[in-house]
């Protein structure tokens, strides 16, 4: 049923207050304001009517705030009134939050879903006797949730949407301690150190430490080690190794052990990890360099045309070719140790970037 109401009459989803304390991302609101001004207000509002004649939104909270900022609370919009129960309201909010890359948003959403399923086991799609979508291939789905199992990663994944919320993602985010969540990098970030944040997998490892004091000290040590770095000095794998080693020691000693191990690791990386490229401009064939710089100048004049090479005089230059073709970001996603690559591959990529910089610097000096 469609109904026309004022923006000020729309109330938030009842579960919204449990996600980031109900606070909105102001950057998202500002972005939506610009999009609304350049196009139009998308009036796909889905609400449910409460017993006290209020209208609770299923999703679209940032869009609502952007619209209020632009048009005021008395601006009238058309809404779709649906007979949503609490389960559908929670799913709608979760689907909206799945597109939010903030770790705190994702974690809070999953905590709300877990609490809801524990309190309302009848809503679990893995309950015995209920056929889940993946029951044909998932043994857990065929077996169903037993009493006391509700709120597990499998239970939450199938309740929300196993396409948007994988069991692995759920396990990782629910494994983050509350005092660590604020320091986790945005979902999908390839360079947490540039945000002064820590990777998700590192946060999961740190969250296993026994006390808040030790966890906070570890977060600080990792952030300080990676501060102002283009590449992490300490990766998520390094953090896990250091934490696992410290956890075998008595609790009072763990903080000191972790701080010492981080310092040792940083000292070792200064020697080996950031080894500058051995390739220099004088090692590069003069004719090749001239042709290369001609291509660079041409690409500046005609930016839509790809840079071409007449020859590839070495492995590092070959990788430099890949950097120009595919972009540093996409290559880093493949070669970074946290994404299935190796330290050697990342060093080679860094060497290629260093070589490119040398070429550019030489051209600037002409």
Protein backbone atom coordinates (compact mmCIF):
# COMPACT_ATOMS: atom_id res chain seq x y z
CA UNK A 1 0.00 0.00 0.00
CA UNK A 2 1.33 3.44 -0.95
CA UNK A 3 0.91 6.38 1.38
CA UNK A 4 2.05 10.01 1.40
CA UNK A 5 3.64 11.24 4.62
CA UNK A 6 6.16 13.85 5.75
CA UNK A 7 9.87 13.07 6.09
CA UNK A 8 9.69 13.97 9.78
CA UNK A 9 7.17 11.18 10.36
CA UNK A 10 9.64 8.48 9.34
CA UNK A 11 11.24 6.73 12.30
CA UNK A 12 14.42 4.61 12.21
CA UNK A 13 14.47 0.85 12.06
CA UNK A 14 14.09 -0.43 15.66
CA UNK A 15 17.42 -2.26 15.36
CA UNK A 16 19.30 0.81 14.07
CA UNK A 17 20.04 2.09 17.59
CA UNK A 18 22.19 -1.00 18.25
CA UNK A 19 24.49 -0.31 15.27
CA UNK A 20 27.11 2.37 15.96
CA UNK A 21 24.77 3.67 18.65
CA UNK A 22 22.36 4.74 15.91
CA UNK A 23 24.85 7.29 14.55
CA UNK A 24 25.05 7.89 10.81
CA UNK A 25 28.13 8.21 8.62
CA UNK A 26 28.20 11.94 7.83
CA UNK A 27 30.41 11.41 4.79
CA UNK A 28 27.73 9.14 3.31
CA UNK A 29 25.01 11.70 4.08
CA UNK A 30 26.99 14.47 2.37
CA UNK A 31 27.62 12.28 -0.67
CA UNK A 32 23.92 11.47 -0.95
CA UNK A 33 23.02 15.16 -0.73
CA UNK A 34 25.18 15.83 -3.77
CA UNK A 35 23.66 12.95 -5.73
CA UNK A 36 20.11 14.04 -4.87
CA UNK A 37 20.86 17.60 -5.98
CA UNK A 38 22.40 16.45 -9.27
CA UNK A 39 19.61 13.95 -10.07
CA UNK A 40 16.49 13.56 -7.92
CA UNK A 41 15.31 12.10 -4.61
CA UNK A 42 14.79 8.34 -4.93
CA UNK A 43 11.48 7.76 -3.15
CA UNK A 44 11.79 4.01 -2.60
CA UNK A 45 10.83 4.16 1.07
CA UNK A 46 9.72 0.87 2.65
CA UNK A 47 8.09 1.23 6.07
CA UNK A 48 5.88 -0.61 8.51
CA UNK A 49 3.11 0.98 10.54
CA UNK A 50 3.30 0.45 14.30
CA UNK A 51 0.42 0.08 16.76
CA UNK A 52 0.84 3.73 17.80
CA UNK A 53 0.49 4.93 14.17
CA UNK A 54 4.20 5.53 13.59
CA UNK A 55 6.15 4.56 10.48
CA UNK A 56 9.41 2.67 10.96
CA UNK A 57 11.85 2.50 8.05
CA UNK A 58 13.24 -0.81 6.88
CA UNK A 59 16.32 0.85 5.33
CA UNK A 60 17.50 4.15 3.81
CA UNK A 61 18.51 6.04 6.97
CA UNK A 62 21.33 8.02 5.33
CA UNK A 63 19.05 8.92 2.41
CA UNK A 64 16.39 10.13 4.85
CA UNK A 65 18.85 12.41 6.66
CA UNK A 66 20.15 13.78 3.36
CA UNK A 67 16.58 14.51 2.23
CA UNK A 68 15.73 16.25 5.52
CA UNK A 69 18.87 18.38 5.23
CA UNK A 70 17.85 19.46 1.73
CA UNK A 71 14.06 19.73 1.92
CA UNK A 72 13.14 19.84 5.63
CA UNK A 73 11.06 17.51 7.79
CA UNK A 74 7.72 18.70 6.36
CA UNK A 75 8.59 17.62 2.80
CA UNK A 76 6.09 14.97 1.64
CA UNK A 77 7.15 11.68 0.09
CA UNK A 78 5.40 8.52 -1.05
CA UNK A 79 6.17 5.40 1.00
CA UNK A 80 5.41 1.72 0.58
CA UNK A 81 3.75 0.34 3.72
CA UNK A 82 4.54 -3.34 4.26
CA UNK A 83 3.55 -5.83 6.95
CA UNK A 84 7.13 -6.52 8.06
CA UNK A 85 7.85 -8.45 11.25
CA UNK A 86 11.02 -7.94 13.32
CA UNK A 87 12.91 -10.58 11.35
CA UNK A 88 12.31 -8.82 8.04
CA UNK A 89 13.17 -5.44 9.56
CA UNK A 90 16.49 -6.84 10.79
CA UNK A 91 17.27 -8.48 7.44
CA UNK A 92 16.51 -5.23 5.61
CA UNK A 93 18.86 -3.27 7.89
CA UNK A 94 21.57 -5.93 7.57
CA UNK A 95 21.39 -5.88 3.76
CA UNK A 96 21.85 -2.10 3.86
CA UNK A 97 24.75 -2.38 6.30
CA UNK A 98 26.45 -5.06 4.17
CA UNK A 99 27.44 -2.21 1.82
CA UNK A 100 29.00 -0.21 4.69
CA UNK A 101 32.75 -0.80 4.83
CA UNK A 102 33.18 0.27 8.47
CA UNK A 103 34.20 -2.62 10.72
CA UNK A 104 32.12 -1.34 13.65
CA UNK A 105 28.97 -1.30 11.49
CA UNK A 106 29.49 -4.86 10.28
CA UNK A 107 30.35 -6.17 13.75
CA UNK A 108 27.40 -4.45 15.46
CA UNK A 109 24.99 -5.74 12.81
CA UNK A 110 26.15 -9.31 13.36
CA UNK A 111 25.93 -8.97 17.14
CA UNK A 112 22.31 -7.80 16.81
CA UNK A 113 21.52 -10.72 14.49
CA UNK A 114 23.09 -13.23 16.87
CA UNK A 115 21.15 -11.86 19.84
CA UNK A 116 17.90 -11.92 17.84
CA UNK A 117 18.34 -15.54 16.74
CA UNK A 118 19.18 -16.69 20.26
CA UNK A 119 16.03 -14.98 21.57
CA UNK A 120 13.87 -16.05 18.59
CA UNK A 121 15.04 -19.54 17.52
CA UNK A 122 11.82 -20.03 15.55
CA UNK A 123 13.16 -17.52 13.00
CA UNK A 124 16.24 -19.62 12.26
CA UNK A 125 16.12 -21.02 8.72
CA UNK A 126 18.34 -23.91 9.84
CA UNK A 127 15.88 -25.06 12.48
CA UNK A 128 15.18 -28.82 12.26
CA UNK A 129 12.47 -29.48 9.70
CA UNK A 130 13.12 -26.26 7.76
CA UNK A 131 14.89 -26.61 4.41
CA UNK A 132 17.59 -23.96 3.93
CA UNK A 133 18.55 -22.79 0.39
CA UNK A 134 21.94 -24.53 0.59
CA UNK A 135 20.68 -27.70 2.29
CA UNK A 136 21.59 -29.83 -0.73
CA UNK A 137 25.31 -29.02 -0.42
CA UNK A 138 25.76 -27.82 3.16
CA UNK A 139 25.82 -30.56 5.81
CA UNK A 140 25.12 -28.00 8.56
CA UNK A 141 22.03 -26.84 6.67
CA UNK A 142 20.77 -30.41 6.31
CA UNK A 143 21.32 -31.13 9.99
CA UNK A 144 19.72 -27.89 11.19
CA UNK A 145 20.48 -25.85 14.33
CA UNK A 146 20.13 -27.80 17.52
CA UNK A 147 18.98 -26.30 20.80
CA UNK A 148 21.69 -23.90 21.95
CA UNK A 149 23.28 -23.64 18.48
CA UNK A 150 21.27 -20.61 17.36
CA UNK A 151 23.41 -17.55 16.71
CA UNK A 152 26.30 -19.49 15.20
CA UNK A 153 28.01 -18.23 12.03
CA UNK A 154 26.05 -20.75 9.90
CA UNK A 155 22.79 -19.75 11.56
CA UNK A 156 23.40 -16.02 11.03
CA UNK A 157 24.64 -16.48 7.45
CA UNK A 158 21.53 -18.34 6.31
CA UNK A 159 19.20 -16.03 8.23
CA UNK A 160 20.58 -12.83 6.69
CA UNK A 161 21.77 -13.97 3.26
CA UNK A 162 24.61 -16.39 2.68
CA UNK A 163 25.56 -14.46 -0.48
CA UNK A 164 26.10 -11.13 1.30
CA UNK A 165 27.18 -12.57 4.66
CA UNK A 166 29.54 -15.54 4.40
CA UNK A 167 30.22 -17.72 7.43
CA UNK A 168 33.91 -16.82 7.27
CA UNK A 169 33.19 -13.08 7.35
CA UNK A 170 30.81 -13.54 10.25
CA UNK A 171 33.30 -15.60 12.27
CA UNK A 172 36.03 -13.00 11.73
CA UNK A 173 33.98 -9.94 12.69
CA UNK A 174 32.35 -11.62 15.69
CA UNK A 175 35.83 -12.59 16.82
CA UNK A 176 36.85 -8.93 17.22
CA UNK A 177 36.86 -7.59 20.77
CA UNK A 178 34.83 -4.43 21.34
CA UNK A 179 37.88 -2.43 22.42
CA UNK A 180 39.70 -3.42 19.20
CA UNK A 181 36.86 -2.85 16.69
CA UNK A 182 37.39 0.91 16.34
CA UNK A 183 40.94 0.35 15.08
CA UNK A 184 40.06 -2.06 12.27
CA UNK A 185 40.56 -0.81 8.71
CA UNK A 186 37.61 -0.39 6.39
CA UNK A 187 36.43 -3.57 4.72
CA UNK A 188 38.36 -4.17 1.49
CA UNK A 189 41.19 -1.77 2.35
CA UNK A 190 44.53 -2.85 0.88
CA UNK A 191 46.59 -0.38 2.90
CA UNK A 192 45.35 -0.20 6.52
CA UNK A 193 48.64 1.43 7.56
CA UNK A 194 47.80 4.48 5.45
CA UNK A 195 44.58 4.90 7.46
CA UNK A 196 46.47 4.40 10.74
CA UNK A 197 44.38 1.24 11.19
CA UNK A 198 45.05 -2.49 11.51
CA UNK A 199 43.94 -5.30 9.15
CA UNK A 200 40.89 -7.42 10.01
CA UNK A 201 42.86 -10.63 10.49
CA UNK A 202 45.31 -8.84 12.78
CA UNK A 203 42.38 -7.55 14.85
CA UNK A 204 40.99 -11.08 15.18
CA UNK A 205 44.37 -12.32 16.44
CA UNK A 206 44.77 -9.42 18.89
CA UNK A 207 41.24 -9.97 20.22
CA UNK A 208 42.30 -13.38 21.52
CA UNK A 209 44.60 -11.75 24.05
CA UNK A 210 43.26 -12.04 27.62
CA UNK A 211 43.01 -8.42 28.83
CA UNK A 212 42.07 -5.04 27.42
CA UNK A 213 45.43 -3.59 28.53
CA UNK A 214 47.39 -6.15 26.52
CA UNK A 215 45.14 -5.77 23.48
CA UNK A 216 45.43 -1.98 23.50
CA UNK A 217 49.21 -2.15 23.91
CA UNK A 218 49.45 -4.53 20.95
CA UNK A 219 47.26 -2.32 18.74
CA UNK A 220 49.39 0.71 19.62
CA UNK A 221 52.63 -1.14 18.90
CA UNK A 222 51.41 -2.35 15.49
CA UNK A 223 50.04 1.06 14.49
CA UNK A 224 53.27 2.79 15.55
CA UNK A 225 55.38 0.31 13.57
CA UNK A 226 53.33 0.90 10.41
CA UNK A 227 52.88 4.65 10.87
CA UNK A 228 53.68 6.76 7.78
CA UNK A 229 54.59 3.65 5.76
CA UNK A 230 53.49 2.99 2.19
CA UNK A 231 53.67 -0.73 2.89
CA UNK A 232 53.15 -2.48 6.25
CA UNK A 233 56.24 -3.25 8.28
CA UNK A 234 54.13 -5.71 10.26
CA UNK A 235 51.52 -7.66 8.30
CA UNK A 236 48.49 -9.52 9.65
CA UNK A 237 50.46 -12.77 9.45
CA UNK A 238 53.25 -11.23 11.51
CA UNK A 239 50.77 -10.05 14.13
CA UNK A 240 49.21 -13.51 14.40
CA UNK A 241 52.62 -15.12 14.81
CA UNK A 242 53.67 -12.65 17.52
CA UNK A 243 50.35 -12.96 19.37
CA UNK A 244 50.35 -16.78 19.21
CA UNK A 245 53.87 -16.83 20.61
CA UNK A 246 53.00 -14.45 23.46
CA UNK A 247 49.83 -16.33 24.44
CA UNK A 248 51.90 -19.33 25.48
CA UNK A 249 53.54 -17.19 28.19
CA UNK A 250 51.97 -16.22 31.55
CA UNK A 251 49.48 -13.33 31.25
CA UNK A 252 51.58 -10.78 33.21
CA UNK A 253 54.45 -11.25 30.73
CA UNK A 254 52.48 -11.11 27.47
CA UNK A 255 52.40 -7.33 27.04
CA UNK A 256 56.18 -7.01 27.41
CA UNK A 257 56.84 -9.99 25.12
CA UNK A 258 54.66 -8.55 22.35
CA UNK A 259 56.27 -5.09 22.56
CA UNK A 260 59.73 -6.64 22.40
CA UNK A 261 58.82 -8.88 19.45
CA UNK A 262 57.36 -5.94 17.53
CA UNK A 263 60.58 -3.93 18.05
CA UNK A 264 62.69 -6.88 16.87
CA UNK A 265 60.51 -7.32 13.82
CA UNK A 266 60.72 -3.63 12.91
CA UNK A 267 64.51 -3.65 13.28
CA UNK A 268 64.79 -6.72 11.04
CA UNK A 269 62.51 -5.22 8.38
CA UNK A 270 64.57 -2.04 8.22
CA UNK A 271 67.45 -4.22 7.12
CA UNK A 272 65.69 -6.63 4.74
CA UNK A 273 62.14 -5.66 3.80
CA UNK A 274 62.62 -2.20 2.37
CA UNK A 275 65.77 -2.95 0.38
CA UNK A 276 66.04 -0.28 -2.31
CA UNK A 277 66.03 -1.38 -5.93
CA UNK A 278 69.46 -2.14 -7.42
CA UNK A 279 68.24 -0.86 -10.78
CA UNK A 280 69.34 2.69 -11.51
CA UNK A 281 68.89 5.01 -14.46
CA UNK A 282 72.48 4.55 -15.58
CA UNK A 283 71.87 0.77 -15.88
CA UNK A 284 69.10 1.34 -18.41
CA UNK A 285 69.87 1.43 -22.12
CA UNK A 286 69.90 5.06 -23.33
CA UNK A 287 67.84 4.36 -26.47
CA UNK A 288 65.25 2.50 -24.44
CA UNK A 289 65.05 5.35 -21.94
CA UNK A 290 64.54 7.88 -24.73
CA UNK A 291 61.78 5.77 -26.32
CA UNK A 292 60.20 5.18 -22.95
CA UNK A 293 60.09 8.88 -22.07
CA UNK A 294 58.69 9.65 -25.53
CA UNK A 295 55.85 7.29 -24.71
CA UNK A 296 55.36 8.95 -21.31
CA UNK A 297 55.14 12.40 -22.93
CA UNK A 298 52.75 11.08 -25.58
CA UNK A 299 50.52 9.47 -22.95
CA UNK A 300 50.28 12.85 -21.17
CA UNK A 301 49.14 14.48 -24.42
CA UNK A 302 46.76 11.63 -25.25
CA UNK A 303 45.87 10.13 -21.85
CA UNK A 304 43.38 7.63 -23.26
CA UNK A 305 46.11 5.86 -25.23
CA UNK A 306 48.02 3.17 -23.35
CA UNK A 307 51.78 3.46 -22.89
CA UNK A 308 53.69 1.02 -25.09
CA UNK A 309 57.22 -0.33 -24.79
CA UNK A 310 59.60 -1.09 -27.61
CA UNK A 311 61.57 -3.56 -25.49
CA UNK A 312 61.76 -5.01 -21.99
CA UNK A 313 65.41 -5.07 -20.84
CA UNK A 314 64.86 -6.89 -17.52
CA UNK A 315 62.52 -8.54 -15.05
CA UNK A 316 62.05 -5.38 -13.00
CA UNK A 317 61.17 -3.36 -16.08
CA UNK A 318 58.74 -6.10 -17.08
CA UNK A 319 56.95 -5.68 -13.77
CA UNK A 320 57.00 -1.91 -14.32
CA UNK A 321 55.14 -2.58 -17.56
CA UNK A 322 52.54 -4.51 -15.56
CA UNK A 323 52.22 -1.62 -13.13
CA UNK A 324 51.37 0.77 -15.95
CA UNK A 325 48.97 -1.69 -17.60
CA UNK A 326 47.12 -2.96 -14.54
CA UNK A 327 47.75 -0.28 -11.94
CA UNK A 328 49.62 -0.56 -8.66
CA UNK A 329 46.45 -1.12 -6.64
CA UNK A 330 45.22 -4.14 -8.58
CA UNK A 331 48.69 -5.71 -8.59
CA UNK A 332 49.08 -5.13 -4.84
CA UNK A 333 45.82 -7.01 -4.29
CA UNK A 334 47.44 -10.04 -5.92
CA UNK A 335 51.01 -9.77 -4.69
CA UNK A 336 50.56 -8.49 -1.11
CA UNK A 337 51.25 -11.16 1.56
CA UNK A 338 47.84 -10.50 3.12
CA UNK A 339 46.12 -11.32 -0.17
CA UNK A 340 47.79 -14.55 -1.19
CA UNK A 341 51.04 -13.13 -2.53
CA UNK A 342 54.54 -13.38 -1.08
CA UNK A 343 57.01 -10.96 0.45
CA UNK A 344 59.33 -11.53 -2.51
CA UNK A 345 56.59 -10.60 -5.00
CA UNK A 346 55.79 -7.44 -3.06
CA UNK A 347 59.47 -6.51 -2.94
CA UNK A 348 59.69 -6.97 -6.71
CA UNK A 349 56.65 -4.77 -7.18
CA UNK A 350 58.17 -2.09 -4.94
CA UNK A 351 61.39 -2.32 -6.92
CA UNK A 352 59.45 -1.73 -10.13
CA UNK A 353 57.77 1.32 -8.65
CA UNK A 354 61.17 2.61 -7.47
CA UNK A 355 62.52 2.16 -10.99
CA UNK A 356 59.63 4.14 -12.47
CA UNK A 357 60.29 6.93 -10.01
CA UNK A 358 63.94 7.04 -11.03
CA UNK A 359 62.93 7.42 -14.67
CA UNK A 360 60.49 10.19 -13.86
CA UNK A 361 63.03 12.01 -11.68
CA UNK A 362 65.61 11.86 -14.47
CA UNK A 363 63.08 13.30 -16.92
CA UNK A 364 62.26 16.11 -14.50
CA UNK A 365 65.93 17.02 -14.32
CA UNK A 366 66.22 17.57 -18.05
